[in-house]
Amino acid sequence: MEPRATEKTYLEQTKRTYVFPVSLKASKQEIAKAVEEKFNVTVTDVRTLIRNGKKTKFSKGKHAYPGITHRQDKKFAYVTLKEGNSIKVFEEPEAKTSAKEAKAEKAKADKNAGKENK
């Protein structure tokens, strides 16, 4: 269970609300318990939303009779956390510098230090 990382959900995060895709059968109590256990936070409110799957046309060949099917329904949980709690969604990996790059940066710093001493 990971929070969604979209522009809309980023705006919700400013209000301490995070959006999670969940199972259609999950209850609000189960969702709150799972979020509290995984992220070590306190949940104050859970709102759920079921997005119905769209109708889509399909065909089984050029001369076959086309039909209509439905995409799967999706359920999302809007989880509000207690004041002071937060979940890191946009984690940037730490930049690892290679030995070559570290030497180049050190040489550049030494060169600039030599110019300042003159």
PDB file of N, CA and C in Angstrom:
ATOM      1  N   MET A   1       0.849  -1.172   0.000  1.00  0.00           N
ATOM      2  CA  MET A   1       0.000   0.000   0.000  1.00  0.00           C
ATOM      3  C   MET A   1       0.895   1.236   0.000  1.00  0.00           C
ATOM      4  N   GLU A   2       0.897   1.936  -1.099  1.00  0.00           N
ATOM      5  CA  GLU A   2       1.671   3.166  -1.237  1.00  0.00           C
ATOM      6  C   GLU A   2       0.731   4.296  -1.629  1.00  0.00           C
ATOM      7  N   PRO A   3       0.949   5.509  -1.123  1.00  0.00           N
ATOM      8  CA  PRO A   3       0.083   6.626  -1.505  1.00  0.00           C
ATOM      9  C   PRO A   3       0.293   7.016  -2.960  1.00  0.00           C
ATOM     10  N   ARG A   4      -0.763   7.519  -3.575  1.00  0.00           N
ATOM     11  CA  ARG A   4      -0.668   7.967  -4.967  1.00  0.00           C
ATOM     12  C   ARG A   4       0.169   9.233  -5.036  1.00  0.00           C
ATOM     13  N   ALA A   5       0.953   9.366  -6.110  1.00  0.00           N
ATOM     14  CA  ALA A   5       1.810  10.530  -6.294  1.00  0.00           C
ATOM     15  C   ALA A   5       1.382  11.252  -7.571  1.00  0.00           C
ATOM     16  N   THR A   6       0.321  12.064  -7.468  1.00  0.00           N
ATOM     17  CA  THR A   6      -0.169  12.840  -8.592  1.00  0.00           C
ATOM     18  C   THR A   6      -0.310  14.302  -8.158  1.00  0.00           C
ATOM     19  N   GLU A   7      -0.592  15.169  -9.105  1.00  0.00           N
ATOM     20  CA  GLU A   7      -0.741  16.591  -8.777  1.00  0.00           C
ATOM     21  C   GLU A   7      -1.922  16.817  -7.830  1.00  0.00           C
ATOM     22  N   LYS A   8      -3.020  16.136  -8.093  1.00  0.00           N
ATOM     23  CA  LYS A   8      -4.211  16.298  -7.255  1.00  0.00           C
ATOM     24  C   LYS A   8      -3.939  15.820  -5.828  1.00  0.00           C
ATOM     25  N   THR A   9      -3.282  14.685  -5.688  1.00  0.00           N
ATOM     26  CA  THR A   9      -3.009  14.173  -4.352  1.00  0.00           C
ATOM     27  C   THR A   9      -1.953  15.006  -3.643  1.00  0.00           C
ATOM     28  N   TYR A  10      -1.059  15.635  -4.399  1.00  0.00           N
ATOM     29  CA  TYR A  10      -0.060  16.519  -3.795  1.00  0.00           C
ATOM     30  C   TYR A  10      -0.741  17.707  -3.131  1.00  0.00           C
ATOM     31  N   LEU A  11      -1.791  18.237  -3.756  1.00  0.00           N
ATOM     32  CA  LEU A  11      -2.554  19.340  -3.154  1.00  0.00           C
ATOM     33  C   LEU A  11      -3.263  18.872  -1.886  1.00  0.00           C
ATOM     34  N   GLU A  12      -3.754  17.641  -1.887  1.00  0.00           N
ATOM     35  CA  GLU A  12      -4.411  17.092  -0.698  1.00  0.00           C
ATOM     36  C   GLU A  12      -3.423  16.936   0.453  1.00  0.00           C
ATOM     37  N   GLN A  13      -2.160  16.656   0.139  1.00  0.00           N
ATOM     38  CA  GLN A  13      -1.159  16.450   1.184  1.00  0.00           C
ATOM     39  C   GLN A  13      -0.915  17.712   1.993  1.00  0.00           C
ATOM     40  N   THR A  14      -1.163  18.880   1.411  1.00  0.00           N
ATOM     41  CA  THR A  14      -1.012  20.118   2.162  1.00  0.00           C
ATOM     42  C   THR A  14      -2.059  20.198   3.287  1.00  0.00           C
ATOM     43  N   LYS A  15      -3.136  19.399   3.167  1.00  0.00           N
ATOM     44  CA  LYS A  15      -4.187  19.348   4.186  1.00  0.00           C
ATOM     45  C   LYS A  15      -4.040  18.094   5.057  1.00  0.00           C
ATOM     46  N   ARG A  16      -2.875  17.440   5.006  1.00  0.00           N
ATOM     47  CA  ARG A  16      -2.572  16.210   5.748  1.00  0.00           C
ATOM     48  C   ARG A  16      -3.453  15.045   5.311  1.00  0.00           C
ATOM     49  N   THR A  17      -3.917  15.046   4.050  1.00  0.00           N
ATOM     50  CA  THR A  17      -4.737  13.970   3.514  1.00  0.00           C
ATOM     51  C   THR A  17      -3.956  13.244   2.426  1.00  0.00           C
ATOM     52  N   TYR A  18      -3.921  11.923   2.520  1.00  0.00           N
ATOM     53  CA  TYR A  18      -3.198  11.100   1.566  1.00  0.00           C
ATOM     54  C   TYR A  18      -4.177  10.152   0.887  1.00  0.00           C
ATOM     55  N   VAL A  19      -3.941   9.851  -0.398  1.00  0.00           N
ATOM     56  CA  VAL A  19      -4.844   9.018  -1.176  1.00  0.00           C
ATOM     57  C   VAL A  19      -4.177   7.671  -1.439  1.00  0.00           C
ATOM     58  N   PHE A  20      -4.897   6.586  -1.107  1.00  0.00           N
ATOM     59  CA  PHE A  20      -4.382   5.235  -1.298  1.00  0.00           C
ATOM     60  C   PHE A  20      -5.351   4.431  -2.157  1.00  0.00           C
ATOM     61  N   PRO A  21      -4.846   3.669  -3.141  1.00  0.00           N
ATOM     62  CA  PRO A  21      -5.726   2.711  -3.819  1.00  0.00           C
ATOM     63  C   PRO A  21      -5.909   1.508  -2.903  1.00  0.00           C
ATOM     64  N   VAL A  22      -7.142   1.061  -2.712  1.00  0.00           N
ATOM     65  CA  VAL A  22      -7.422  -0.042  -1.792  1.00  0.00           C
ATOM     66  C   VAL A  22      -8.328  -1.068  -2.477  1.00  0.00           C
ATOM     67  N   SER A  23      -8.490  -2.203  -1.835  1.00  0.00           N
ATOM     68  CA  SER A  23      -9.368  -3.263  -2.318  1.00  0.00           C
ATOM     69  C   SER A  23     -10.822  -2.810  -2.234  1.00  0.00           C
ATOM     70  N   LEU A  24     -11.638  -3.294  -3.156  1.00  0.00           N
ATOM     71  CA  LEU A  24     -13.056  -2.938  -3.138  1.00  0.00           C
ATOM     72  C   LEU A  24     -13.747  -3.430  -1.875  1.00  0.00           C
ATOM     73  N   LYS A  25     -13.227  -4.483  -1.256  1.00  0.00           N
ATOM     74  CA  LYS A  25     -13.855  -5.059  -0.072  1.00  0.00           C
ATOM     75  C   LYS A  25     -13.339  -4.464   1.235  1.00  0.00           C
ATOM     76  N   ALA A  26     -12.321  -3.601   1.185  1.00  0.00           N
ATOM     77  CA  ALA A  26     -11.715  -3.048   2.402  1.00  0.00           C
ATOM     78  C   ALA A  26     -12.663  -2.058   3.085  1.00  0.00           C
ATOM     79  N   SER A  27     -12.771  -2.175   4.414  1.00  0.00           N
ATOM     80  CA  SER A  27     -13.603  -1.243   5.180  1.00  0.00           C
ATOM     81  C   SER A  27     -12.744  -0.080   5.662  1.00  0.00           C
ATOM     82  N   LYS A  28     -13.386   0.967   6.143  1.00  0.00           N
ATOM     83  CA  LYS A  28     -12.663   2.134   6.629  1.00  0.00           C
ATOM     84  C   LYS A  28     -11.787   1.785   7.830  1.00  0.00           C
ATOM     85  N   GLN A  29     -12.292   0.934   8.698  1.00  0.00           N
ATOM     86  CA  GLN A  29     -11.520   0.533   9.878  1.00  0.00           C
ATOM     87  C   GLN A  29     -10.268  -0.253   9.478  1.00  0.00           C
ATOM     88  N   GLU A  30     -10.403  -1.154   8.500  1.00  0.00           N
ATOM     89  CA  GLU A  30      -9.260  -1.927   8.027  1.00  0.00           C
ATOM     90  C   GLU A  30      -8.219  -1.020   7.382  1.00  0.00           C
ATOM     91  N   ILE A  31      -8.677  -0.039   6.614  1.00  0.00           N
ATOM     92  CA  ILE A  31      -7.772   0.893   5.943  1.00  0.00           C
ATOM     93  C   ILE A  31      -7.006   1.705   6.982  1.00  0.00           C
ATOM     94  N   ALA A  32      -7.709   2.241   7.980  1.00  0.00           N
ATOM     95  CA  ALA A  32      -7.063   3.047   9.018  1.00  0.00           C
ATOM     96  C   ALA A  32      -6.016   2.225   9.769  1.00  0.00           C
ATOM     97  N   LYS A  33      -6.355   1.006  10.105  1.00  0.00           N
ATOM     98  CA  LYS A  33      -5.430   0.141  10.845  1.00  0.00           C
ATOM     99  C   LYS A  33      -4.183  -0.161  10.016  1.00  0.00           C
ATOM    100  N   ALA A  34      -4.368  -0.450   8.715  1.00  0.00           N
ATOM    101  CA  ALA A  34      -3.238  -0.766   7.843  1.00  0.00           C
ATOM    102  C   ALA A  34      -2.292   0.424   7.686  1.00  0.00           C
ATOM    103  N   VAL A  35      -2.846   1.630   7.527  1.00  0.00           N
ATOM    104  CA  VAL A  35      -2.021   2.833   7.372  1.00  0.00           C
ATOM    105  C   VAL A  35      -1.262   3.128   8.665  1.00  0.00           C
ATOM    106  N   GLU A  36      -1.930   2.991   9.796  1.00  0.00           N
ATOM    107  CA  GLU A  36      -1.276   3.243  11.090  1.00  0.00           C
ATOM    108  C   GLU A  36      -0.121   2.279  11.322  1.00  0.00           C
ATOM    109  N   GLU A  37      -0.314   1.001  10.993  1.00  0.00           N
ATOM    110  CA  GLU A  37       0.737   0.011  11.206  1.00  0.00           C
ATOM    111  C   GLU A  37       1.918   0.202  10.256  1.00  0.00           C
ATOM    112  N   LYS A  38       1.630   0.495   8.997  1.00  0.00           N
ATOM    113  CA  LYS A  38       2.708   0.588   8.006  1.00  0.00           C
ATOM    114  C   LYS A  38       3.554   1.849   8.168  1.00  0.00           C
ATOM    115  N   PHE A  39       2.917   2.996   8.422  1.00  0.00           N
ATOM    116  CA  PHE A  39       3.636   4.267   8.433  1.00  0.00           C
ATOM    117  C   PHE A  39       3.843   4.856   9.828  1.00  0.00           C
ATOM    118  N   ASN A  40       3.386   4.193  10.878  1.00  0.00           N
ATOM    119  CA  ASN A  40       3.525   4.670  12.257  1.00  0.00           C
ATOM    120  C   ASN A  40       2.972   6.086  12.443  1.00  0.00           C
ATOM    121  N   VAL A  41       1.732   6.294  12.016  1.00  0.00           N
ATOM    122  CA  VAL A  41       1.052   7.586  12.137  1.00  0.00           C
ATOM    123  C   VAL A  41      -0.305   7.363  12.804  1.00  0.00           C
ATOM    124  N   THR A  42      -0.978   8.451  13.157  1.00  0.00           N
ATOM    125  CA  THR A  42      -2.307   8.379  13.747  1.00  0.00           C
ATOM    126  C   THR A  42      -3.328   8.887  12.736  1.00  0.00           C
ATOM    127  N   VAL A  43      -4.289   8.051  12.400  1.00  0.00           N
ATOM    128  CA  VAL A  43      -5.325   8.397  11.421  1.00  0.00           C
ATOM    129  C   VAL A  43      -6.509   9.015  12.149  1.00  0.00           C
ATOM    130  N   THR A  44      -6.990  10.173  11.657  1.00  0.00           N
ATOM    131  CA  THR A  44      -8.144  10.826  12.266  1.00  0.00           C
ATOM    132  C   THR A  44      -9.416  10.648  11.450  1.00  0.00           C
ATOM    133  N   ASP A  45      -9.292  10.456  10.119  1.00  0.00           N
ATOM    134  CA  ASP A  45     -10.479  10.350   9.278  1.00  0.00           C
ATOM    135  C   ASP A  45     -10.157   9.524   8.037  1.00  0.00           C
ATOM    136  N   VAL A  46     -11.135   8.741   7.580  1.00  0.00           N
ATOM    137  CA  VAL A  46     -11.005   7.971   6.343  1.00  0.00           C
ATOM    138  C   VAL A  46     -12.262   8.180   5.517  1.00  0.00           C
ATOM    139  N   ARG A  47     -12.078   8.627   4.289  1.00  0.00           N
ATOM    140  CA  ARG A  47     -13.187   8.756   3.340  1.00  0.00           C
ATOM    141  C   ARG A  47     -12.873   7.833   2.170  1.00  0.00           C
ATOM    142  N   THR A  48     -13.880   7.154   1.639  1.00  0.00           N
ATOM    143  CA  THR A  48     -13.646   6.241   0.533  1.00  0.00           C
ATOM    144  C   THR A  48     -14.422   6.683  -0.698  1.00  0.00           C
ATOM    145  N   LEU A  49     -13.914   6.259  -1.841  1.00  0.00           N
ATOM    146  CA  LEU A  49     -14.504   6.627  -3.117  1.00  0.00           C
ATOM    147  C   LEU A  49     -14.397   5.431  -4.041  1.00  0.00           C
ATOM    148  N   ILE A  50     -15.504   5.054  -4.677  1.00  0.00           N
ATOM    149  CA  ILE A  50     -15.467   3.973  -5.658  1.00  0.00           C
ATOM    150  C   ILE A  50     -15.663   4.586  -7.034  1.00  0.00           C
ATOM    151  N   ARG A  51     -14.692   4.359  -7.911  1.00  0.00           N
ATOM    152  CA  ARG A  51     -14.750   4.860  -9.270  1.00  0.00           C
ATOM    153  C   ARG A  51     -15.227   3.715 -10.159  1.00  0.00           C
ATOM    154  N   ASN A  52     -16.390   3.868 -10.752  1.00  0.00           N
ATOM    155  CA  ASN A  52     -16.934   2.818 -11.606  1.00  0.00           C
ATOM    156  C   ASN A  52     -16.135   2.711 -12.903  1.00  0.00           C
ATOM    157  N   GLY A  53     -15.942   1.473 -13.363  1.00  0.00           N
ATOM    158  CA  GLY A  53     -15.206   1.246 -14.602  1.00  0.00           C
ATOM    159  C   GLY A  53     -15.988   1.749 -15.808  1.00  0.00           C
ATOM    160  N   LYS A  54     -15.270   2.292 -16.777  1.00  0.00           N
ATOM    161  CA  LYS A  54     -15.916   2.822 -17.973  1.00  0.00           C
ATOM    162  C   LYS A  54     -16.349   1.697 -18.912  1.00  0.00           C
ATOM    163  N   LYS A  55     -17.359   1.983 -19.725  1.00  0.00           N
ATOM    164  CA  LYS A  55     -17.746   1.048 -20.777  1.00  0.00           C
ATOM    165  C   LYS A  55     -16.723   1.159 -21.904  1.00  0.00           C
ATOM    166  N   THR A  56     -16.331   0.034 -22.455  1.00  0.00           N
ATOM    167  CA  THR A  56     -15.411   0.039 -23.595  1.00  0.00           C
ATOM    168  C   THR A  56     -15.938  -0.907 -24.657  1.00  0.00           C
ATOM    169  N   LYS A  57     -15.748  -0.546 -25.904  1.00  0.00           N
ATOM    170  CA  LYS A  57     -16.169  -1.392 -27.017  1.00  0.00           C
ATOM    171  C   LYS A  57     -15.051  -2.363 -27.344  1.00  0.00           C
ATOM    172  N   PHE A  58     -15.425  -3.540 -27.825  1.00  0.00           N
ATOM    173  CA  PHE A  58     -14.427  -4.488 -28.280  1.00  0.00           C
ATOM    174  C   PHE A  58     -14.953  -5.214 -29.504  1.00  0.00           C
ATOM    175  N   SER A  59     -14.053  -5.775 -30.269  1.00  0.00           N
ATOM    176  CA  SER A  59     -14.414  -6.520 -31.459  1.00  0.00           C
ATOM    177  C   SER A  59     -13.511  -7.733 -31.555  1.00  0.00           C
ATOM    178  N   LYS A  60     -14.076  -8.827 -32.008  1.00  0.00           N
ATOM    179  CA  LYS A  60     -13.280 -10.050 -32.152  1.00  0.00           C
ATOM    180  C   LYS A  60     -12.933 -10.308 -33.610  1.00  0.00           C
ATOM    181  N   GLY A  61     -12.731  -9.261 -34.352  1.00  0.00           N
ATOM    182  CA  GLY A  61     -12.365  -9.418 -35.756  1.00  0.00           C
ATOM    183  C   GLY A  61     -13.178  -8.488 -36.627  1.00  0.00           C
ATOM    184  N   LYS A  62     -12.806  -8.442 -37.895  1.00  0.00           N
ATOM    185  CA  LYS A  62     -13.420  -7.504 -38.828  1.00  0.00           C
ATOM    186  C   LYS A  62     -14.915  -7.769 -39.024  1.00  0.00           C
ATOM    187  N   HIS A  63     -15.302  -9.049 -39.104  1.00  0.00           N
ATOM    188  CA  HIS A  63     -16.697  -9.362 -39.400  1.00  0.00           C
ATOM    189  C   HIS A  63     -17.466  -9.846 -38.177  1.00  0.00           C
ATOM    190  N   ALA A  64     -16.836  -9.894 -37.028  1.00  0.00           N
ATOM    191  CA  ALA A  64     -17.508 -10.347 -35.813  1.00  0.00           C
ATOM    192  C   ALA A  64     -18.351  -9.212 -35.240  1.00  0.00           C
ATOM    193  N   TYR A  65     -19.402  -9.578 -34.527  1.00  0.00           N
ATOM    194  CA  TYR A  65     -20.277  -8.581 -33.927  1.00  0.00           C
ATOM    195  C   TYR A  65     -19.564  -7.917 -32.747  1.00  0.00           C
ATOM    196  N   PRO A  66     -19.430  -6.588 -32.764  1.00  0.00           N
ATOM    197  CA  PRO A  66     -18.739  -5.914 -31.657  1.00  0.00           C
ATOM    198  C   PRO A  66     -19.590  -5.945 -30.389  1.00  0.00           C
ATOM    199  N   GLY A  67     -18.935  -5.835 -29.264  1.00  0.00           N
ATOM    200  CA  GLY A  67     -19.651  -5.851 -28.002  1.00  0.00           C
ATOM    201  C   GLY A  67     -19.168  -4.747 -27.088  1.00  0.00           C
ATOM    202  N   ILE A  68     -19.752  -4.701 -25.900  1.00  0.00           N
ATOM    203  CA  ILE A  68     -19.376  -3.715 -24.898  1.00  0.00           C
ATOM    204  C   ILE A  68     -18.997  -4.452 -23.623  1.00  0.00           C
ATOM    205  N   THR A  69     -17.923  -4.031 -23.021  1.00  0.00           N
ATOM    206  CA  THR A  69     -17.486  -4.586 -21.747  1.00  0.00           C
ATOM    207  C   THR A  69     -17.196  -3.429 -20.801  1.00  0.00           C
ATOM    208  N   HIS A  70     -16.843  -3.721 -19.579  1.00  0.00           N
ATOM    209  CA  HIS A  70     -16.557  -2.682 -18.586  1.00  0.00           C
ATOM    210  C   HIS A  70     -15.163  -2.869 -18.029  1.00  0.00           C
ATOM    211  N   ARG A  71     -14.493  -1.761 -17.769  1.00  0.00           N
ATOM    212  CA  ARG A  71     -13.222  -1.826 -17.050  1.00  0.00           C
ATOM    213  C   ARG A  71     -13.516  -2.081 -15.580  1.00  0.00           C
ATOM    214  N   GLN A  72     -12.488  -2.476 -14.837  1.00  0.00           N
ATOM    215  CA  GLN A  72     -12.684  -2.787 -13.425  1.00  0.00           C
ATOM    216  C   GLN A  72     -12.990  -1.527 -12.620  1.00  0.00           C
ATOM    217  N   ASP A  73     -13.817  -1.688 -11.584  1.00  0.00           N
ATOM    218  CA  ASP A  73     -14.062  -0.604 -10.637  1.00  0.00           C
ATOM    219  C   ASP A  73     -12.820  -0.435  -9.769  1.00  0.00           C
ATOM    220  N   LYS A  74     -12.590   0.789  -9.287  1.00  0.00           N
ATOM    221  CA  LYS A  74     -11.438   1.077  -8.425  1.00  0.00           C
ATOM    222  C   LYS A  74     -11.934   1.789  -7.169  1.00  0.00           C
ATOM    223  N   LYS A  75     -11.275   1.502  -6.061  1.00  0.00           N
ATOM    224  CA  LYS A  75     -11.647   2.143  -4.795  1.00  0.00           C
ATOM    225  C   LYS A  75     -10.429   2.879  -4.256  1.00  0.00           C
ATOM    226  N   PHE A  76     -10.644   4.122  -3.818  1.00  0.00           N
ATOM    227  CA  PHE A  76      -9.583   4.938  -3.256  1.00  0.00           C
ATOM    228  C   PHE A  76      -9.981   5.385  -1.858  1.00  0.00           C
ATOM    229  N   ALA A  77      -8.997   5.479  -0.974  1.00  0.00           N
ATOM    230  CA  ALA A  77      -9.245   5.935   0.388  1.00  0.00           C
ATOM    231  C   ALA A  77      -8.503   7.250   0.607  1.00  0.00           C
ATOM    232  N   TYR A  78      -9.227   8.257   1.067  1.00  0.00           N
ATOM    233  CA  TYR A  78      -8.638   9.545   1.433  1.00  0.00           C
ATOM    234  C   TYR A  78      -8.433   9.506   2.946  1.00  0.00           C
ATOM    235  N   VAL A  79      -7.176   9.405   3.369  1.00  0.00           N
ATOM    236  CA  VAL A  79      -6.841   9.223   4.775  1.00  0.00           C
ATOM    237  C   VAL A  79      -6.269  10.526   5.324  1.00  0.00           C
ATOM    238  N   THR A  80      -6.906  11.077   6.368  1.00  0.00           N
ATOM    239  CA  THR A  80      -6.429  12.297   7.015  1.00  0.00           C
ATOM    240  C   THR A  80      -5.669  11.907   8.274  1.00  0.00           C
ATOM    241  N   LEU A  81      -4.488  12.506   8.448  1.00  0.00           N
ATOM    242  CA  LEU A  81      -3.637  12.188   9.594  1.00  0.00           C
ATOM    243  C   LEU A  81      -3.740  13.249  10.669  1.00  0.00           C
ATOM    244  N   LYS A  82      -3.325  12.873  11.873  1.00  0.00           N
ATOM    245  CA  LYS A  82      -3.293  13.786  13.009  1.00  0.00           C
ATOM    246  C   LYS A  82      -2.262  14.884  12.746  1.00  0.00           C
ATOM    247  N   GLU A  83      -2.488  16.068  13.285  1.00  0.00           N
ATOM    248  CA  GLU A  83      -1.569  17.202  13.131  1.00  0.00           C
ATOM    249  C   GLU A  83      -0.162  16.808  13.578  1.00  0.00           C
ATOM    250  N   GLY A  84       0.817  17.096  12.740  1.00  0.00           N
ATOM    251  CA  GLY A  84       2.214  16.776  13.059  1.00  0.00           C
ATOM    252  C   GLY A  84       2.695  15.485  12.426  1.00  0.00           C
ATOM    253  N   ASN A  85       1.781  14.609  11.984  1.00  0.00           N
ATOM    254  CA  ASN A  85       2.171  13.372  11.307  1.00  0.00           C
ATOM    255  C   ASN A  85       2.253  13.599   9.807  1.00  0.00           C
ATOM    256  N   SER A  86       3.133  12.869   9.140  1.00  0.00           N
ATOM    257  CA  SER A  86       3.230  12.964   7.687  1.00  0.00           C
ATOM    258  C   SER A  86       3.819  11.677   7.130  1.00  0.00           C
ATOM    259  N   ILE A  87       3.627  11.487   5.835  1.00  0.00           N
ATOM    260  CA  ILE A  87       4.161  10.330   5.119  1.00  0.00           C
ATOM    261  C   ILE A  87       4.984  10.856   3.962  1.00  0.00           C
ATOM    262  N   LYS A  88       6.201  10.330   3.794  1.00  0.00           N
ATOM    263  CA  LYS A  88       7.037  10.752   2.671  1.00  0.00           C
ATOM    264  C   LYS A  88       6.558  10.032   1.414  1.00  0.00           C
ATOM    265  N   VAL A  89       6.140  10.820   0.427  1.00  0.00           N
ATOM    266  CA  VAL A  89       5.665  10.264  -0.832  1.00  0.00           C
ATOM    267  C   VAL A  89       6.702  10.475  -1.921  1.00  0.00           C
ATOM    268  N   PHE A  90       7.227  11.678  -2.004  1.00  0.00           N
ATOM    269  CA  PHE A  90       8.181  12.026  -3.046  1.00  0.00           C
ATOM    270  C   PHE A  90       9.594  11.938  -2.493  1.00  0.00           C
ATOM    271  N   GLU A  91      10.105  10.729  -2.379  1.00  0.00           N
ATOM    272  CA  GLU A  91      11.465  10.535  -1.884  1.00  0.00           C
ATOM    273  C   GLU A  91      12.418  10.511  -3.068  1.00  0.00           C
ATOM    274  N   GLU A  92      13.392  11.376  -3.040  1.00  0.00           N
ATOM    275  CA  GLU A  92      14.398  11.387  -4.090  1.00  0.00           C
ATOM    276  C   GLU A  92      15.587  10.573  -3.615  1.00  0.00           C
ATOM    277  N   PRO A  93      16.097   9.685  -4.461  1.00  0.00           N
ATOM    278  CA  PRO A  93      17.249   8.892  -4.051  1.00  0.00           C
ATOM    279  C   PRO A  93      18.478   9.781  -3.894  1.00  0.00           C
ATOM    280  N   GLU A  94      19.307   9.421  -2.913  1.00  0.00           N
ATOM    281  CA  GLU A  94      20.509  10.201  -2.677  1.00  0.00           C
ATOM    282  C   GLU A  94      21.470  10.024  -3.843  1.00  0.00           C
ATOM    283  N   ALA A  95      22.063  11.132  -4.269  1.00  0.00           N
ATOM    284  CA  ALA A  95      22.995  11.076  -5.384  1.00  0.00           C
ATOM    285  C   ALA A  95      24.325  10.504  -4.908  1.00  0.00           C
ATOM    286  N   LYS A  96      24.703   9.390  -5.504  1.00  0.00           N
ATOM    287  CA  LYS A  96      25.971   8.771  -5.150  1.00  0.00           C
ATOM    288  C   LYS A  96      27.013   9.245  -6.152  1.00  0.00           C
ATOM    289  N   THR A  97      28.081   9.810  -5.655  1.00  0.00           N
ATOM    290  CA  THR A  97      29.134  10.279  -6.543  1.00  0.00           C
ATOM    291  C   THR A  97      30.202   9.209  -6.643  1.00  0.00           C
ATOM    292  N   SER A  98      30.709   9.039  -7.830  1.00  0.00           N
ATOM    293  CA  SER A  98      31.760   8.050  -8.022  1.00  0.00           C
ATOM    294  C   SER A  98      33.092   8.630  -7.534  1.00  0.00           C
ATOM    295  N   ALA A  99      34.076   7.787  -7.419  1.00  0.00           N
ATOM    296  CA  ALA A  99      35.399   8.226  -6.955  1.00  0.00           C
ATOM    297  C   ALA A  99      35.993   9.246  -7.914  1.00  0.00           C
ATOM    298  N   LYS A 100      35.766   9.044  -9.206  1.00  0.00           N
ATOM    299  CA  LYS A 100      36.290   9.972 -10.223  1.00  0.00           C
ATOM    300  C   LYS A 100      35.695  11.365 -10.030  1.00  0.00           C
ATOM    301  N   GLU A 101      34.364  11.416  -9.837  1.00  0.00           N
ATOM    302  CA  GLU A 101      33.692  12.700  -9.654  1.00  0.00           C
ATOM    303  C   GLU A 101      34.136  13.372  -8.361  1.00  0.00           C
ATOM    304  N   ALA A 102      34.353  12.586  -7.313  1.00  0.00           N
ATOM    305  CA  ALA A 102      34.801  13.141  -6.034  1.00  0.00           C
ATOM    306  C   ALA A 102      36.186  13.767  -6.179  1.00  0.00           C
ATOM    307  N   LYS A 103      37.094  13.113  -6.906  1.00  0.00           N
ATOM    308  CA  LYS A 103      38.446  13.654  -7.148  1.00  0.00           C
ATOM    309  C   LYS A 103      38.359  14.949  -7.942  1.00  0.00           C
ATOM    310  N   ALA A 104      37.498  14.978  -8.959  1.00  0.00           N
ATOM    311  CA  ALA A 104      37.357  16.170  -9.796  1.00  0.00           C
ATOM    312  C   ALA A 104      36.838  17.346  -8.966  1.00  0.00           C
ATOM    313  N   GLU A 105      35.863  17.102  -8.086  1.00  0.00           N
ATOM    314  CA  GLU A 105      35.335  18.163  -7.240  1.00  0.00           C
ATOM    315  C   GLU A 105      36.387  18.668  -6.256  1.00  0.00           C
ATOM    316  N   LYS A 106      37.183  17.734  -5.714  1.00  0.00           N
ATOM    317  CA  LYS A 106      38.224  18.118  -4.767  1.00  0.00           C
ATOM    318  C   LYS A 106      39.299  18.955  -5.464  1.00  0.00           C
ATOM    319  N   ALA A 107      39.687  18.554  -6.675  1.00  0.00           N
ATOM    320  CA  ALA A 107      40.691  19.295  -7.443  1.00  0.00           C
ATOM    321  C   ALA A 107      40.183  20.697  -7.764  1.00  0.00           C
ATOM    322  N   LYS A 108      38.915  20.798  -8.114  1.00  0.00           N
ATOM    323  CA  LYS A 108      38.325  22.097  -8.432  1.00  0.00           C
ATOM    324  C   LYS A 108      38.323  22.998  -7.188  1.00  0.00           C
ATOM    325  N   ALA A 109      37.973  22.427  -6.038  1.00  0.00           N
ATOM    326  CA  ALA A 109      37.963  23.192  -4.787  1.00  0.00           C
ATOM    327  C   ALA A 109      39.372  23.643  -4.426  1.00  0.00           C
ATOM    328  N   ASP A 110      40.367  22.772  -4.602  1.00  0.00           N
ATOM    329  CA  ASP A 110      41.772  23.135  -4.317  1.00  0.00           C
ATOM    330  C   ASP A 110      42.249  24.236  -5.266  1.00  0.00           C
ATOM    331  N   LYS A 111      41.863  24.164  -6.511  1.00  0.00           N
ATOM    332  CA  LYS A 111      42.255  25.183  -7.498  1.00  0.00           C
ATOM    333  C   LYS A 111      41.665  26.546  -7.124  1.00  0.00           C
ATOM    334  N   ASN A 112      40.370  26.533  -6.722  1.00  0.00           N
ATOM    335  CA  ASN A 112      39.732  27.791  -6.315  1.00  0.00           C
ATOM    336  C   ASN A 112      40.370  28.328  -5.033  1.00  0.00           C
ATOM    337  N   ALA A 113      40.769  27.463  -4.119  1.00  0.00           N
ATOM    338  CA  ALA A 113      41.409  27.901  -2.871  1.00  0.00           C
ATOM    339  C   ALA A 113      42.775  28.503  -3.182  1.00  0.00           C
ATOM    340  N   GLY A 114      43.499  27.954  -4.172  1.00  0.00           N
ATOM    341  CA  GLY A 114      44.808  28.482  -4.570  1.00  0.00           C
ATOM    342  C   GLY A 114      44.687  29.868  -5.158  1.00  0.00           C
ATOM    343  N   LYS A 115      43.629  30.143  -5.904  1.00  0.00           N
ATOM    344  CA  LYS A 115      43.432  31.453  -6.501  1.00  0.00           C
ATOM    345  C   LYS A 115      43.133  32.499  -5.428  1.00  0.00           C
ATOM    346  N   GLU A 116      42.409  32.104  -4.395  1.00  0.00           N
ATOM    347  CA  GLU A 116      42.065  33.037  -3.337  1.00  0.00           C
ATOM    348  C   GLU A 116      43.279  33.435  -2.514  1.00  0.00           C
ATOM    349  N   ASN A 117      44.249  32.552  -2.367  1.00  0.00           N
ATOM    350  CA  ASN A 117      45.451  32.833  -1.585  1.00  0.00           C
ATOM    351  C   ASN A 117      46.388  33.805  -2.289  1.00  0.00           C
ATOM    352  N   LYS A 118      46.319  33.928  -3.609  1.00  0.00           N
ATOM    353  CA  LYS A 118      47.212  34.809  -4.368  1.00  0.00           C
ATOM    354  C   LYS A 118      46.857  36.229  -4.244  1.00  0.00           C
TER     355      LYS A 118
END
